[in-house]
Amino acid sequence: MTDTTIIAIALQTMLVALKLSAPILVTSLVIGFTISVFQSMTQIQEFTLAFVPKLIGVGVALLVCGNWMLHTLMAFTIDLFEGLPAMLG
């Protein structure tokens, strides 16, 4: 196993992690920004006003993207395990 192989695996791992976290983070970011703008305009400073919509939005994002996320992670893991003997030998 060479250093190039290790760097390629690390790069693939980071890309998969970025792909898997993107739907949840983008959803939370958009909802949080929208709620912040609303709170700034109305001067309502309520914690649950920001927390509950984010929680619901992340839940919906997981329901919508969960199947794709699971398949992406499984494909990456299977490719990694299938390439393991070639890397070690």
N, C-alpha and C. Protein backbone atom coordinates (compact mmCIF):
# COMPACT_ATOMS: atom_id res chain seq x y z
N MET A 1 0.85 -1.17 0.00
CA MET A 1 0.00 0.00 0.00
C MET A 1 0.90 1.24 0.00
N THR A 2 0.73 2.07 -0.99
CA THR A 2 1.58 3.24 -1.13
C THR A 2 0.90 4.46 -0.52
N ASP A 3 1.68 5.52 -0.42
CA ASP A 3 1.12 6.74 0.12
C ASP A 3 0.08 7.35 -0.82
N THR A 4 0.22 7.11 -2.11
CA THR A 4 -0.78 7.59 -3.07
C THR A 4 -2.12 6.91 -2.86
N THR A 5 -2.10 5.63 -2.57
CA THR A 5 -3.34 4.90 -2.31
C THR A 5 -4.02 5.41 -1.05
N ILE A 6 -3.24 5.66 -0.03
CA ILE A 6 -3.80 6.16 1.23
C ILE A 6 -4.42 7.54 1.04
N ILE A 7 -3.74 8.39 0.28
CA ILE A 7 -4.29 9.72 0.02
C ILE A 7 -5.56 9.63 -0.81
N ALA A 8 -5.60 8.71 -1.78
CA ALA A 8 -6.81 8.54 -2.60
C ALA A 8 -7.98 8.05 -1.75
N ILE A 9 -7.73 7.12 -0.84
CA ILE A 9 -8.79 6.63 0.05
C ILE A 9 -9.26 7.74 0.98
N ALA A 10 -8.33 8.52 1.52
CA ALA A 10 -8.70 9.63 2.40
C ALA A 10 -9.52 10.67 1.64
N LEU A 11 -9.17 10.95 0.40
CA LEU A 11 -9.92 11.90 -0.41
C LEU A 11 -11.33 11.38 -0.68
N GLN A 12 -11.45 10.11 -1.03
CA GLN A 12 -12.76 9.51 -1.25
C GLN A 12 -13.60 9.56 0.03
N THR A 13 -12.99 9.29 1.15
CA THR A 13 -13.69 9.31 2.43
C THR A 13 -14.23 10.70 2.73
N MET A 14 -13.40 11.71 2.52
CA MET A 14 -13.85 13.08 2.78
C MET A 14 -14.96 13.51 1.81
N LEU A 15 -14.88 13.08 0.56
CA LEU A 15 -15.93 13.42 -0.40
C LEU A 15 -17.25 12.74 -0.04
N VAL A 16 -17.19 11.49 0.38
CA VAL A 16 -18.41 10.79 0.80
C VAL A 16 -18.99 11.46 2.04
N ALA A 17 -18.15 11.83 2.99
CA ALA A 17 -18.64 12.51 4.19
C ALA A 17 -19.28 13.85 3.84
N LEU A 18 -18.70 14.57 2.90
CA LEU A 18 -19.27 15.84 2.46
C LEU A 18 -20.61 15.63 1.77
N LYS A 19 -20.69 14.62 0.91
CA LYS A 19 -21.96 14.32 0.23
C LYS A 19 -23.04 13.94 1.23
N LEU A 20 -22.70 13.13 2.21
CA LEU A 20 -23.70 12.65 3.16
C LEU A 20 -24.16 13.74 4.13
N SER A 21 -23.29 14.66 4.46
CA SER A 21 -23.68 15.70 5.41
C SER A 21 -24.32 16.91 4.74
N ALA A 22 -24.15 17.07 3.44
CA ALA A 22 -24.64 18.25 2.74
C ALA A 22 -26.16 18.46 2.86
N PRO A 23 -27.00 17.45 2.62
CA PRO A 23 -28.44 17.72 2.70
C PRO A 23 -28.89 18.21 4.08
N ILE A 24 -28.34 17.63 5.12
CA ILE A 24 -28.73 18.01 6.48
C ILE A 24 -28.21 19.41 6.82
N LEU A 25 -26.95 19.67 6.47
CA LEU A 25 -26.37 20.97 6.80
C LEU A 25 -27.01 22.09 6.00
N VAL A 26 -27.27 21.87 4.72
CA VAL A 26 -27.88 22.92 3.90
C VAL A 26 -29.30 23.21 4.37
N THR A 27 -30.04 22.16 4.70
CA THR A 27 -31.40 22.36 5.22
C THR A 27 -31.38 23.16 6.51
N SER A 28 -30.51 22.80 7.42
CA SER A 28 -30.40 23.51 8.69
C SER A 28 -29.95 24.95 8.48
N LEU A 29 -29.03 25.17 7.55
CA LEU A 29 -28.54 26.51 7.27
C LEU A 29 -29.65 27.40 6.70
N VAL A 30 -30.39 26.89 5.74
CA VAL A 30 -31.45 27.68 5.11
C VAL A 30 -32.55 28.01 6.13
N ILE A 31 -32.96 27.02 6.88
CA ILE A 31 -34.01 27.27 7.88
C ILE A 31 -33.51 28.23 8.96
N GLY A 32 -32.29 28.04 9.43
CA GLY A 32 -31.73 28.91 10.45
C GLY A 32 -31.60 30.35 9.97
N PHE A 33 -31.17 30.53 8.73
CA PHE A 33 -31.05 31.88 8.18
C PHE A 33 -32.42 32.55 8.04
N THR A 34 -33.39 31.77 7.57
CA THR A 34 -34.75 32.32 7.42
C THR A 34 -35.33 32.72 8.77
N ILE A 35 -35.17 31.89 9.76
CA ILE A 35 -35.68 32.20 11.09
C ILE A 35 -34.94 33.40 11.69
N SER A 36 -33.62 33.50 11.46
CA SER A 36 -32.85 34.63 11.97
C SER A 36 -33.34 35.95 11.36
N VAL A 37 -33.59 35.93 10.06
CA VAL A 37 -34.10 37.14 9.41
C VAL A 37 -35.47 37.50 9.98
N PHE A 38 -36.32 36.50 10.16
CA PHE A 38 -37.64 36.75 10.73
C PHE A 38 -37.53 37.31 12.15
N GLN A 39 -36.64 36.73 12.95
CA GLN A 39 -36.47 37.22 14.32
C GLN A 39 -35.90 38.63 14.34
N SER A 40 -35.02 38.95 13.42
CA SER A 40 -34.46 40.30 13.35
C SER A 40 -35.52 41.32 12.97
N MET A 41 -36.39 40.94 12.05
CA MET A 41 -37.43 41.88 11.61
C MET A 41 -38.48 42.11 12.68
N THR A 42 -38.84 41.07 13.42
CA THR A 42 -39.92 41.19 14.40
C THR A 42 -39.41 41.40 15.82
N GLN A 43 -38.13 41.28 16.05
CA GLN A 43 -37.50 41.39 17.37
C GLN A 43 -38.05 40.38 18.37
N ILE A 44 -38.46 39.23 17.86
CA ILE A 44 -38.88 38.13 18.73
C ILE A 44 -37.65 37.27 18.96
N GLN A 45 -37.24 37.12 20.19
CA GLN A 45 -36.05 36.33 20.52
C GLN A 45 -36.47 35.10 21.32
N GLU A 46 -37.00 34.15 20.65
CA GLU A 46 -37.46 32.92 21.29
C GLU A 46 -36.61 31.76 20.78
N PHE A 47 -36.03 30.99 21.69
CA PHE A 47 -35.15 29.88 21.32
C PHE A 47 -35.88 28.80 20.55
N THR A 48 -37.08 28.46 20.99
CA THR A 48 -37.81 27.37 20.34
C THR A 48 -38.26 27.75 18.94
N LEU A 49 -38.36 29.04 18.66
CA LEU A 49 -38.72 29.48 17.32
C LEU A 49 -37.64 29.09 16.30
N ALA A 50 -36.40 29.00 16.73
CA ALA A 50 -35.31 28.58 15.85
C ALA A 50 -35.09 27.07 15.90
N PHE A 51 -35.30 26.47 17.05
CA PHE A 51 -34.96 25.06 17.23
C PHE A 51 -35.97 24.11 16.58
N VAL A 52 -37.23 24.33 16.80
CA VAL A 52 -38.26 23.40 16.33
C VAL A 52 -38.31 23.32 14.80
N PRO A 53 -38.29 24.45 14.06
CA PRO A 53 -38.29 24.32 12.59
C PRO A 53 -37.04 23.61 12.05
N LYS A 54 -35.89 23.86 12.69
CA LYS A 54 -34.67 23.16 12.26
C LYS A 54 -34.81 21.66 12.49
N LEU A 55 -35.34 21.28 13.63
CA LEU A 55 -35.53 19.87 13.94
C LEU A 55 -36.47 19.20 12.94
N ILE A 56 -37.56 19.87 12.62
CA ILE A 56 -38.50 19.32 11.65
C ILE A 56 -37.86 19.26 10.26
N GLY A 57 -37.14 20.32 9.88
CA GLY A 57 -36.49 20.36 8.57
C GLY A 57 -35.44 19.28 8.40
N VAL A 58 -34.65 19.06 9.44
CA VAL A 58 -33.62 18.00 9.37
C VAL A 58 -34.29 16.63 9.31
N GLY A 59 -35.38 16.45 10.03
CA GLY A 59 -36.11 15.18 9.96
C GLY A 59 -36.65 14.92 8.56
N VAL A 60 -37.21 15.97 7.94
CA VAL A 60 -37.72 15.82 6.57
C VAL A 60 -36.57 15.55 5.60
N ALA A 61 -35.44 16.23 5.78
CA ALA A 61 -34.28 16.00 4.91
C ALA A 61 -33.78 14.56 5.04
N LEU A 62 -33.79 14.03 6.25
CA LEU A 62 -33.38 12.64 6.43
C LEU A 62 -34.36 11.67 5.79
N LEU A 63 -35.66 11.97 5.87
CA LEU A 63 -36.65 11.11 5.23
C LEU A 63 -36.51 11.14 3.72
N VAL A 64 -36.26 12.32 3.17
CA VAL A 64 -36.15 12.45 1.71
C VAL A 64 -34.84 11.88 1.19
N CYS A 65 -33.73 12.18 1.86
CA CYS A 65 -32.41 11.80 1.36
C CYS A 65 -31.83 10.56 2.04
N GLY A 66 -32.51 10.00 3.01
CA GLY A 66 -31.96 8.88 3.77
C GLY A 66 -31.64 7.67 2.93
N ASN A 67 -32.51 7.33 1.99
CA ASN A 67 -32.27 6.17 1.13
C ASN A 67 -31.02 6.38 0.28
N TRP A 68 -30.90 7.57 -0.31
CA TRP A 68 -29.72 7.88 -1.12
C TRP A 68 -28.46 7.87 -0.27
N MET A 69 -28.54 8.42 0.95
CA MET A 69 -27.39 8.45 1.84
C MET A 69 -26.93 7.04 2.20
N LEU A 70 -27.89 6.18 2.50
CA LEU A 70 -27.57 4.80 2.85
C LEU A 70 -26.92 4.07 1.68
N HIS A 71 -27.46 4.24 0.48
CA HIS A 71 -26.88 3.58 -0.69
C HIS A 71 -25.48 4.11 -1.01
N THR A 72 -25.27 5.41 -0.84
CA THR A 72 -23.95 5.99 -1.08
C THR A 72 -22.93 5.43 -0.10
N LEU A 73 -23.30 5.35 1.17
CA LEU A 73 -22.39 4.82 2.18
C LEU A 73 -22.11 3.34 1.97
N MET A 74 -23.15 2.59 1.60
CA MET A 74 -22.96 1.15 1.35
C MET A 74 -22.06 0.93 0.13
N ALA A 75 -22.25 1.69 -0.93
CA ALA A 75 -21.42 1.55 -2.14
C ALA A 75 -19.96 1.87 -1.82
N PHE A 76 -19.73 2.92 -1.04
CA PHE A 76 -18.36 3.27 -0.67
C PHE A 76 -17.72 2.17 0.16
N THR A 77 -18.46 1.64 1.13
CA THR A 77 -17.92 0.59 2.00
C THR A 77 -17.64 -0.69 1.22
N ILE A 78 -18.55 -1.06 0.33
CA ILE A 78 -18.34 -2.27 -0.48
C ILE A 78 -17.13 -2.10 -1.38
N ASP A 79 -16.99 -0.93 -2.02
CA ASP A 79 -15.81 -0.68 -2.87
C ASP A 79 -14.53 -0.73 -2.06
N LEU A 80 -14.58 -0.20 -0.86
CA LEU A 80 -13.39 -0.20 -0.01
C LEU A 80 -13.01 -1.62 0.39
N PHE A 81 -13.99 -2.44 0.80
CA PHE A 81 -13.70 -3.81 1.20
C PHE A 81 -13.27 -4.67 0.01
N GLU A 82 -13.85 -4.41 -1.18
CA GLU A 82 -13.45 -5.19 -2.35
C GLU A 82 -12.03 -4.84 -2.80
N GLY A 83 -11.61 -3.60 -2.60
CA GLY A 83 -10.27 -3.19 -2.99
C GLY A 83 -9.21 -3.46 -1.95
N LEU A 84 -9.62 -3.89 -0.77
CA LEU A 84 -8.67 -4.13 0.31
C LEU A 84 -7.63 -5.21 0.00
N PRO A 85 -8.01 -6.37 -0.54
CA PRO A 85 -6.98 -7.37 -0.84
C PRO A 85 -5.94 -6.88 -1.86
N ALA A 86 -6.37 -6.10 -2.85
CA ALA A 86 -5.44 -5.59 -3.84
C ALA A 86 -4.48 -4.58 -3.22
N MET A 87 -4.98 -3.84 -2.22
CA MET A 87 -4.13 -2.84 -1.57
C MET A 87 -3.09 -3.50 -0.67
N LEU A 88 -3.47 -4.59 -0.04
CA LEU A 88 -2.55 -5.25 0.90
C LEU A 88 -1.57 -6.19 0.21
N GLY A 89 -1.98 -6.71 -0.94
CA GLY A 89 -1.15 -7.70 -1.61
C GLY A 89 -0.25 -7.19 -2.67
